[in-house]
N, C-alpha and C. Protein backbone atom coordinates (compact mmCIF):
# COMPACT_ATOMS: atom_id res chain seq x y z
N MET A 1 0.81 -1.39 0.01
CA MET A 1 0.11 -0.09 0.07
C MET A 1 0.92 1.13 0.03
N ARG A 2 0.65 2.43 -0.82
CA ARG A 2 1.17 3.74 -0.95
C ARG A 2 0.68 4.40 0.35
N PRO A 3 2.13 5.10 0.96
CA PRO A 3 1.77 5.98 1.91
C PRO A 3 0.62 7.20 1.61
N LYS A 4 0.06 7.85 2.22
CA LYS A 4 -0.95 8.73 1.83
C LYS A 4 0.08 10.08 1.98
N THR A 5 -0.38 11.02 1.10
CA THR A 5 0.46 12.09 1.24
C THR A 5 -0.43 13.42 1.23
N HIS A 6 -0.31 14.32 1.49
CA HIS A 6 -0.89 15.97 1.35
C HIS A 6 -0.04 17.06 1.28
N GLU A 7 -0.32 17.87 0.49
CA GLU A 7 0.39 18.99 -0.04
C GLU A 7 0.08 20.24 0.94
N TYR A 8 1.09 20.96 1.27
CA TYR A 8 0.94 21.93 2.01
C TYR A 8 1.54 23.38 1.70
N ASP A 9 1.10 24.79 1.82
CA ASP A 9 1.76 25.64 1.83
C ASP A 9 3.08 25.45 2.83
N THR A 10 4.32 26.09 2.18
CA THR A 10 5.17 25.93 3.50
C THR A 10 5.96 27.27 3.08
N GLU A 11 6.37 27.86 4.35
CA GLU A 11 7.50 28.89 4.21
C GLU A 11 8.49 28.86 5.40
N LEU A 12 9.67 29.31 4.99
CA LEU A 12 10.59 29.65 6.06
C LEU A 12 10.77 31.10 6.55
N HIS A 13 10.99 31.27 7.92
CA HIS A 13 10.64 32.68 8.38
C HIS A 13 12.02 33.10 9.19
N VAL A 14 12.78 34.32 9.08
CA VAL A 14 13.77 34.73 9.90
C VAL A 14 13.05 36.19 10.52
N ASP A 15 13.17 36.20 11.76
CA ASP A 15 12.81 37.41 12.38
C ASP A 15 11.43 37.95 11.88
N GLY A 16 10.55 36.83 11.55
CA GLY A 16 9.25 37.35 11.38
C GLY A 16 8.70 37.46 9.93
N GLN A 17 9.61 37.63 9.27
CA GLN A 17 9.48 37.56 7.75
C GLN A 17 9.67 36.38 6.95
N VAL A 18 9.34 36.25 5.94
CA VAL A 18 10.00 35.32 4.62
C VAL A 18 11.13 35.31 4.46
N LEU A 19 11.96 34.54 4.52
CA LEU A 19 13.36 34.41 4.07
C LEU A 19 13.54 34.78 2.83
N VAL A 20 14.35 35.51 2.42
CA VAL A 20 14.78 36.20 0.93
C VAL A 20 16.10 35.99 0.84
N LEU A 21 16.80 35.21 0.00
CA LEU A 21 18.14 34.86 0.18
C LEU A 21 18.45 35.04 -1.66
N ASP A 22 19.23 36.09 -1.78
CA ASP A 22 19.83 36.01 -3.22
C ASP A 22 18.81 36.35 -4.24
N GLY A 23 17.54 36.51 -3.76
CA GLY A 23 16.10 36.59 -4.55
C GLY A 23 15.48 35.69 -4.75
N ILE A 24 15.78 34.55 -4.04
CA ILE A 24 14.92 33.40 -3.87
C ILE A 24 14.03 33.64 -2.73
N SER A 25 12.63 33.36 -2.82
CA SER A 25 11.96 33.42 -1.35
C SER A 25 11.73 32.40 -1.07
N TYR A 26 11.95 31.73 0.09
CA TYR A 26 11.64 30.64 0.82
C TYR A 26 10.29 30.24 1.35
N ARG A 27 9.74 29.94 0.12
CA ARG A 27 8.09 30.05 0.22
C ARG A 27 7.43 29.17 -1.01
N GLY A 28 6.40 27.85 -0.67
CA GLY A 28 6.15 27.27 -1.93
C GLY A 28 5.11 25.94 -1.31
N ARG A 29 4.98 25.19 -2.15
CA ARG A 29 4.35 23.98 -1.91
C ARG A 29 5.10 22.74 -1.71
N THR A 30 4.66 22.01 -0.35
CA THR A 30 5.20 20.69 -0.42
C THR A 30 4.47 19.56 -0.07
N VAL A 31 4.72 18.32 -0.55
CA VAL A 31 4.19 17.51 -0.34
C VAL A 31 4.81 16.52 0.44
N LEU A 32 4.14 16.18 1.57
CA LEU A 32 4.64 15.34 2.91
C LEU A 32 3.81 14.22 2.93
N ARG A 33 4.52 12.98 3.42
CA ARG A 33 3.85 11.85 4.05
C ARG A 33 3.44 11.90 5.03
N GLU A 34 2.13 11.86 4.97
CA GLU A 34 1.31 11.45 6.43
C GLU A 34 1.65 10.53 7.15
N GLY A 35 1.75 10.99 8.83
CA GLY A 35 2.53 10.10 9.70
C GLY A 35 2.98 11.00 10.63
N PRO A 36 3.39 10.28 11.93
CA PRO A 36 3.99 11.05 12.96
C PRO A 36 5.04 11.94 12.66
N ASP A 37 5.83 11.86 11.85
CA ASP A 37 7.14 12.38 11.54
C ASP A 37 6.94 13.21 10.07
N GLN A 38 5.94 13.72 9.73
CA GLN A 38 5.55 14.01 8.58
C GLN A 38 6.06 15.34 8.16
N PHE A 39 6.39 16.29 9.37
CA PHE A 39 6.70 17.73 9.11
C PHE A 39 8.25 17.32 9.35
N GLN A 40 9.13 16.28 9.49
CA GLN A 40 10.39 16.30 9.56
C GLN A 40 11.51 16.85 8.48
N PRO A 41 10.69 16.57 7.11
CA PRO A 41 11.75 17.10 6.13
C PRO A 41 11.52 18.56 6.27
N LEU A 42 10.67 19.48 6.89
CA LEU A 42 10.74 21.15 7.16
C LEU A 42 11.37 21.27 8.02
N GLU A 43 11.57 20.54 9.13
CA GLU A 43 12.41 21.02 10.14
C GLU A 43 13.86 20.70 9.69
N ARG A 44 14.26 19.62 8.91
CA ARG A 44 15.69 19.75 8.43
C ARG A 44 16.07 20.57 7.64
N TRP A 45 14.87 20.85 6.63
CA TRP A 45 15.38 22.27 5.71
C TRP A 45 15.52 23.54 6.33
N ALA A 46 14.52 23.52 7.41
CA ALA A 46 14.71 24.83 8.38
C ALA A 46 16.39 24.60 9.18
N LYS A 47 16.44 23.95 9.41
CA LYS A 47 18.01 23.46 10.04
C LYS A 47 19.17 23.83 9.18
N GLY A 48 18.87 23.25 7.96
CA GLY A 48 20.14 23.17 6.94
C GLY A 48 20.27 25.40 6.91
N VAL A 49 19.29 25.63 6.62
CA VAL A 49 19.36 27.22 6.17
C VAL A 49 19.53 28.00 7.51
N ALA A 50 19.29 27.64 8.97
CA ALA A 50 19.65 28.43 10.23
C ALA A 50 20.81 28.14 10.15
N GLU A 51 21.55 27.19 9.70
CA GLU A 51 23.07 26.87 9.66
C GLU A 51 23.74 27.84 8.69
N ALA A 52 23.33 27.96 7.61
CA ALA A 52 23.83 28.86 6.58
C ALA A 52 23.80 30.36 6.94
N VAL A 53 22.48 30.80 7.61
CA VAL A 53 22.39 32.39 8.04
C VAL A 53 22.91 32.45 9.22
N GLY A 54 23.14 31.34 10.34
CA GLY A 54 23.21 31.75 11.45
C GLY A 54 22.44 32.73 12.08
N GLU A 55 21.20 32.56 12.00
CA GLU A 55 20.11 32.86 12.86
C GLU A 55 19.15 31.44 13.28
N PRO A 56 18.21 31.77 14.06
CA PRO A 56 17.01 31.05 14.18
C PRO A 56 16.09 30.91 13.04
N VAL A 57 15.47 30.13 12.41
CA VAL A 57 14.75 30.04 11.29
C VAL A 57 13.40 29.18 11.96
N THR A 58 12.34 29.77 11.30
CA THR A 58 11.04 28.74 11.81
C THR A 58 10.37 28.61 10.66
N TRP A 59 9.78 27.41 10.59
CA TRP A 59 9.25 26.76 9.30
C TRP A 59 7.75 26.75 9.60
N ARG A 60 6.85 27.07 8.79
CA ARG A 60 5.48 26.72 8.70
C ARG A 60 4.82 25.90 7.50
N ALA A 61 4.09 25.23 8.01
CA ALA A 61 3.08 24.45 7.02
C ALA A 61 1.54 24.67 6.87
N SER A 62 1.03 25.07 6.30
CA SER A 62 -0.61 25.71 6.09
C SER A 62 -1.24 24.68 5.34
N ASP A 63 -2.42 24.39 5.53
CA ASP A 63 -3.47 23.75 4.75
C ASP A 63 -4.44 24.78 4.68
N ARG A 64 -5.13 25.09 3.40
CA ARG A 64 -6.32 25.97 3.11
C ARG A 64 -6.14 27.09 3.85
N GLY A 65 -5.19 27.79 4.01
CA GLY A 65 -5.06 29.15 5.00
C GLY A 65 -4.98 28.96 6.61
N GLU A 66 -5.03 27.41 6.94
CA GLU A 66 -4.81 27.33 8.22
C GLU A 66 -3.60 27.02 8.46
N LEU A 67 -3.20 27.28 9.73
CA LEU A 67 -1.82 26.73 9.94
C LEU A 67 -1.80 25.02 10.81
N ALA A 68 -0.99 24.55 9.97
CA ALA A 68 -0.91 23.15 10.33
C ALA A 68 0.08 22.77 11.00
N ALA A 69 1.24 23.43 11.15
CA ALA A 69 2.26 23.05 11.93
C ALA A 69 3.31 24.09 11.96
N ARG A 70 4.23 24.41 12.86
CA ARG A 70 5.20 25.11 12.69
C ARG A 70 6.31 24.75 13.53
N GLY A 71 7.66 25.45 13.58
CA GLY A 71 8.66 24.84 14.63
C GLY A 71 9.51 25.83 14.30
N THR A 72 10.72 25.89 15.26
CA THR A 72 11.79 26.99 14.95
C THR A 72 13.02 26.25 15.35
N VAL A 73 14.18 26.46 14.99
CA VAL A 73 15.39 25.59 14.77
C VAL A 73 16.11 26.65 15.21
N ARG A 74 17.40 26.75 15.67
CA ARG A 74 18.50 27.44 15.97
C ARG A 74 19.72 26.97 15.40
N PRO A 75 20.73 27.52 14.76
CA PRO A 75 21.88 27.07 14.30
C PRO A 75 22.85 26.52 15.34
N GLY A 76 23.58 25.38 15.44
CA GLY A 76 24.42 24.90 16.54
C GLY A 76 23.11 23.79 17.43
N GLU A 77 21.79 23.85 17.13
CA GLU A 77 20.88 23.26 17.71
C GLU A 77 21.08 21.40 17.23
N VAL A 78 21.16 20.65 17.90
CA VAL A 78 20.78 18.98 17.58
C VAL A 78 19.42 18.94 17.66
N THR A 79 18.94 18.31 16.17
CA THR A 79 17.36 17.98 16.16
C THR A 79 17.32 16.51 16.48
N GLN A 80 16.40 16.16 17.16
CA GLN A 80 16.09 14.94 18.04
C GLN A 80 15.34 14.10 16.99
N ASN A 81 15.15 13.10 16.73
CA ASN A 81 14.46 12.19 15.97
C ASN A 81 13.19 11.86 16.89
N ARG A 82 11.80 12.38 16.91
CA ARG A 82 10.56 12.31 17.41
C ARG A 82 10.47 10.73 17.77
N ARG A 83 10.95 9.93 16.75
CA ARG A 83 10.66 8.34 17.11
C ARG A 83 11.79 8.11 18.27
N ALA A 84 12.83 8.50 18.72
CA ALA A 84 13.61 7.85 19.65
C ALA A 84 13.04 8.64 21.09
N LEU A 85 12.13 9.48 21.06
CA LEU A 85 11.63 10.21 22.19
C LEU A 85 10.81 9.17 23.04
């Protein structure tokens, strides 16, 4: 059986604003597999960007205009696998 997926509007924010680097806006649509770790790819994306810019980065996922999930990662912070908890 194929895993179910869902498409979200996604963004990365720094200081409350959508991040724009070298003219690229970190906003778009992302298809994620449903399940307990479905937002982990966004967390990893934000972590990589936080390391690159040296500032905390907040990721957001919205569904039909409603916030579905969000989180903030900081450079140098170790991300934990939620399954390990």
